[in-house]
Amino acid sequence: QVRLVESGGGSVQSGGSLRLSCAASGRSISPNFMGWYRQAPGKQRELVATITSDRTVYADAVKGRFTISTNDAKNTVYLQMNSLLPEDTAVYYCNVDFVDSSWYWGPGSQVTVLS
């Protein structure tokens, strides 16, 4: 059974930084797609950033401020968030997809940016 463990959320002042991590375990193969999404109160879940072996994609709202990366084993995905803004406040979810089309969501990490 796949398990996703997120860490790194919290509260920070506007302009500050946080780093989210999502570690995947329970499969003998590495994910082929990993990403971060977020959901603010009263809003739909939206893409933040995704990463595959040859491409990264960012939402326009976070380009130049957030960086997505993985570890060498490709089983942990990170989201480095710099220059945080109050509008970045949301619950952040990692998403992991495997080559057999199975996909999983992390439990969510609260990120609160104080103005």
C-alpha atoms as a PDB file:
ATOM      1  CA  GLN A   1       0.000   0.000   0.000  1.00  0.00           C
ATOM      2  CA  VAL A   2       1.372   3.404  -0.976  1.00  0.00           C
ATOM      3  CA  ARG A   3       1.987   5.816   1.850  1.00  0.00           C
ATOM      4  CA  LEU A   4       2.662   9.523   1.401  1.00  0.00           C
ATOM      5  CA  VAL A   5       4.085  11.451   4.322  1.00  0.00           C
ATOM      6  CA  GLU A   6       4.132  15.217   4.085  1.00  0.00           C
ATOM      7  CA  SER A   7       6.097  17.605   6.240  1.00  0.00           C
ATOM      8  CA  GLY A   8       7.221  21.220   6.351  1.00  0.00           C
ATOM      9  CA  GLY A   9       4.000  23.188   6.558  1.00  0.00           C
ATOM     10  CA  GLY A  10       3.421  25.966   9.061  1.00  0.00           C
ATOM     11  CA  SER A  11       2.998  29.693   9.500  1.00  0.00           C
ATOM     12  CA  VAL A  12       5.359  32.338   8.189  1.00  0.00           C
ATOM     13  CA  GLN A  13       5.408  36.071   7.693  1.00  0.00           C
ATOM     14  CA  SER A  14       4.857  37.488   4.233  1.00  0.00           C
ATOM     15  CA  GLY A  15       8.128  37.371   2.331  1.00  0.00           C
ATOM     16  CA  GLY A  16       9.317  34.328   4.212  1.00  0.00           C
ATOM     17  CA  SER A  17      10.123  30.803   3.057  1.00  0.00           C
ATOM     18  CA  LEU A  18       8.964  27.271   3.714  1.00  0.00           C
ATOM     19  CA  ARG A  19       9.953  23.913   2.298  1.00  0.00           C
ATOM     20  CA  LEU A  20       7.445  21.125   1.898  1.00  0.00           C
ATOM     21  CA  SER A  21       8.432  17.472   1.571  1.00  0.00           C
ATOM     22  CA  CYS A  22       6.425  14.450   0.505  1.00  0.00           C
ATOM     23  CA  ALA A  23       7.941  10.999   0.877  1.00  0.00           C
ATOM     24  CA  ALA A  24       6.370   8.070  -0.950  1.00  0.00           C
ATOM     25  CA  SER A  25       6.767   4.456   0.154  1.00  0.00           C
ATOM     26  CA  GLY A  26       5.124   1.103  -0.459  1.00  0.00           C
ATOM     27  CA  ARG A  27       5.891   0.544  -4.142  1.00  0.00           C
ATOM     28  CA  SER A  28       8.912  -1.166  -5.711  1.00  0.00           C
ATOM     29  CA  ILE A  29       8.914   1.291  -8.605  1.00  0.00           C
ATOM     30  CA  SER A  30       9.499   5.021  -8.468  1.00  0.00           C
ATOM     31  CA  PRO A  31       6.748   7.446  -9.382  1.00  0.00           C
ATOM     32  CA  ASN A  32       6.861   8.856 -12.895  1.00  0.00           C
ATOM     33  CA  PHE A  33       4.967  12.018 -11.993  1.00  0.00           C
ATOM     34  CA  MET A  34       4.967  14.017  -8.786  1.00  0.00           C
ATOM     35  CA  GLY A  35       3.325  17.288  -8.031  1.00  0.00           C
ATOM     36  CA  TRP A  36       1.984  19.769  -5.549  1.00  0.00           C
ATOM     37  CA  TYR A  37      -1.519  21.202  -5.516  1.00  0.00           C
ATOM     38  CA  ARG A  38      -3.184  23.576  -3.105  1.00  0.00           C
ATOM     39  CA  GLN A  39      -6.663  24.407  -1.932  1.00  0.00           C
ATOM     40  CA  ALA A  40      -7.564  27.665  -0.253  1.00  0.00           C
ATOM     41  CA  PRO A  41     -10.769  28.042   1.782  1.00  0.00           C
ATOM     42  CA  GLY A  42     -13.774  28.299  -0.515  1.00  0.00           C
ATOM     43  CA  LYS A  43     -11.735  27.590  -3.627  1.00  0.00           C
ATOM     44  CA  GLN A  44     -11.067  24.600  -5.825  1.00  0.00           C
ATOM     45  CA  ARG A  45      -7.862  22.625  -5.625  1.00  0.00           C
ATOM     46  CA  GLU A  46      -5.323  24.011  -8.075  1.00  0.00           C
ATOM     47  CA  LEU A  47      -2.022  22.952  -9.544  1.00  0.00           C
ATOM     48  CA  VAL A  48       1.080  24.518  -8.030  1.00  0.00           C
ATOM     49  CA  ALA A  49       3.935  22.606  -9.660  1.00  0.00           C
ATOM     50  CA  THR A  50       4.644  19.224 -11.206  1.00  0.00           C
ATOM     51  CA  ILE A  51       7.796  17.329 -12.105  1.00  0.00           C
ATOM     52  CA  THR A  52       8.623  14.395 -14.348  1.00  0.00           C
ATOM     53  CA  SER A  53      11.957  13.027 -15.520  1.00  0.00           C
ATOM     54  CA  ASP A  54      12.332  15.727 -18.158  1.00  0.00           C
ATOM     55  CA  ARG A  55       9.982  18.567 -17.319  1.00  0.00           C
ATOM     56  CA  THR A  56       8.787  20.852 -14.580  1.00  0.00           C
ATOM     57  CA  VAL A  57       5.605  22.894 -14.745  1.00  0.00           C
ATOM     58  CA  TYR A  58       4.612  25.807 -12.540  1.00  0.00           C
ATOM     59  CA  ALA A  59       1.427  27.752 -12.087  1.00  0.00           C
ATOM     60  CA  ASP A  60       1.850  31.357 -13.185  1.00  0.00           C
ATOM     61  CA  ALA A  61       1.131  32.554  -9.651  1.00  0.00           C
ATOM     62  CA  VAL A  62       4.232  30.831  -8.252  1.00  0.00           C
ATOM     63  CA  LYS A  63       6.746  31.064 -11.105  1.00  0.00           C
ATOM     64  CA  GLY A  64      10.020  32.516  -9.951  1.00  0.00           C
ATOM     65  CA  ARG A  65       9.150  31.994  -6.273  1.00  0.00           C
ATOM     66  CA  PHE A  66       8.596  28.238  -5.882  1.00  0.00           C
ATOM     67  CA  THR A  67      10.876  25.388  -6.942  1.00  0.00           C
ATOM     68  CA  ILE A  68       9.875  21.737  -7.212  1.00  0.00           C
ATOM     69  CA  SER A  69      12.495  19.010  -7.014  1.00  0.00           C
ATOM     70  CA  THR A  70      12.977  15.355  -6.104  1.00  0.00           C
ATOM     71  CA  ASN A  71      15.643  13.333  -4.342  1.00  0.00           C
ATOM     72  CA  ASP A  72      17.963  11.003  -6.262  1.00  0.00           C
ATOM     73  CA  ALA A  73      15.758   7.993  -5.547  1.00  0.00           C
ATOM     74  CA  LYS A  74      12.791   9.850  -7.049  1.00  0.00           C
ATOM     75  CA  ASN A  75      10.600   8.872  -4.112  1.00  0.00           C
ATOM     76  CA  THR A  76      10.498  12.224  -2.341  1.00  0.00           C
ATOM     77  CA  VAL A  77       9.268  15.473  -3.812  1.00  0.00           C
ATOM     78  CA  TYR A  78      10.043  18.885  -2.384  1.00  0.00           C
ATOM     79  CA  LEU A  79       8.516  22.304  -2.825  1.00  0.00           C
ATOM     80  CA  GLN A  80      10.757  25.201  -1.885  1.00  0.00           C
ATOM     81  CA  MET A  81       8.553  28.245  -1.413  1.00  0.00           C
ATOM     82  CA  ASN A  82      10.222  31.660  -1.263  1.00  0.00           C
ATOM     83  CA  SER A  83       8.813  35.178  -1.147  1.00  0.00           C
ATOM     84  CA  LEU A  84       5.573  33.829   0.232  1.00  0.00           C
ATOM     85  CA  LEU A  85       2.462  35.973  -0.020  1.00  0.00           C
ATOM     86  CA  PRO A  86      -0.768  35.890   1.988  1.00  0.00           C
ATOM     87  CA  GLU A  87      -2.550  34.572  -1.101  1.00  0.00           C
ATOM     88  CA  ASP A  88      -0.329  31.470  -0.921  1.00  0.00           C
ATOM     89  CA  THR A  89      -2.204  30.470   2.222  1.00  0.00           C
ATOM     90  CA  ALA A  90      -3.799  27.080   1.573  1.00  0.00           C
ATOM     91  CA  VAL A  91      -3.628  23.393   2.298  1.00  0.00           C
ATOM     92  CA  TYR A  92      -0.936  21.922   0.070  1.00  0.00           C
ATOM     93  CA  TYR A  93      -1.296  18.363  -1.208  1.00  0.00           C
ATOM     94  CA  CYS A  94       1.310  16.230  -2.916  1.00  0.00           C
ATOM     95  CA  ASN A  95       0.262  13.961  -5.741  1.00  0.00           C
ATOM     96  CA  VAL A  96       2.175  10.928  -6.941  1.00  0.00           C
ATOM     97  CA  ASP A  97       1.440   8.954 -10.105  1.00  0.00           C
ATOM     98  CA  PHE A  98       2.931   5.667 -11.211  1.00  0.00           C
ATOM     99  CA  VAL A  99       3.417   4.173 -14.661  1.00  0.00           C
ATOM    100  CA  ASP A 100       0.496   1.790 -14.107  1.00  0.00           C
ATOM    101  CA  SER A 101      -1.795   4.848 -13.863  1.00  0.00           C
ATOM    102  CA  SER A 102      -2.342   4.500 -10.135  1.00  0.00           C
ATOM    103  CA  TRP A 103      -2.168   7.806  -8.332  1.00  0.00           C
ATOM    104  CA  TYR A 104      -2.285   8.977  -4.761  1.00  0.00           C
ATOM    105  CA  TRP A 105      -2.796  12.128  -2.725  1.00  0.00           C
ATOM    106  CA  GLY A 106      -0.943  13.112   0.404  1.00  0.00           C
ATOM    107  CA  PRO A 107      -2.886  14.081   3.546  1.00  0.00           C
ATOM    108  CA  GLY A 108      -2.295  17.810   3.090  1.00  0.00           C
ATOM    109  CA  SER A 109      -0.111  20.389   4.832  1.00  0.00           C
ATOM    110  CA  GLN A 110      -1.404  23.734   6.040  1.00  0.00           C
ATOM    111  CA  VAL A 111       0.608  26.734   4.906  1.00  0.00           C
ATOM    112  CA  THR A 112      -0.375  30.074   6.417  1.00  0.00           C
ATOM    113  CA  VAL A 113       1.270  33.308   5.326  1.00  0.00           C
ATOM    114  CA  LEU A 114       0.719  36.227   7.672  1.00  0.00           C
ATOM    115  CA  SER A 115       0.562  39.746   6.317  1.00  0.00           C
END
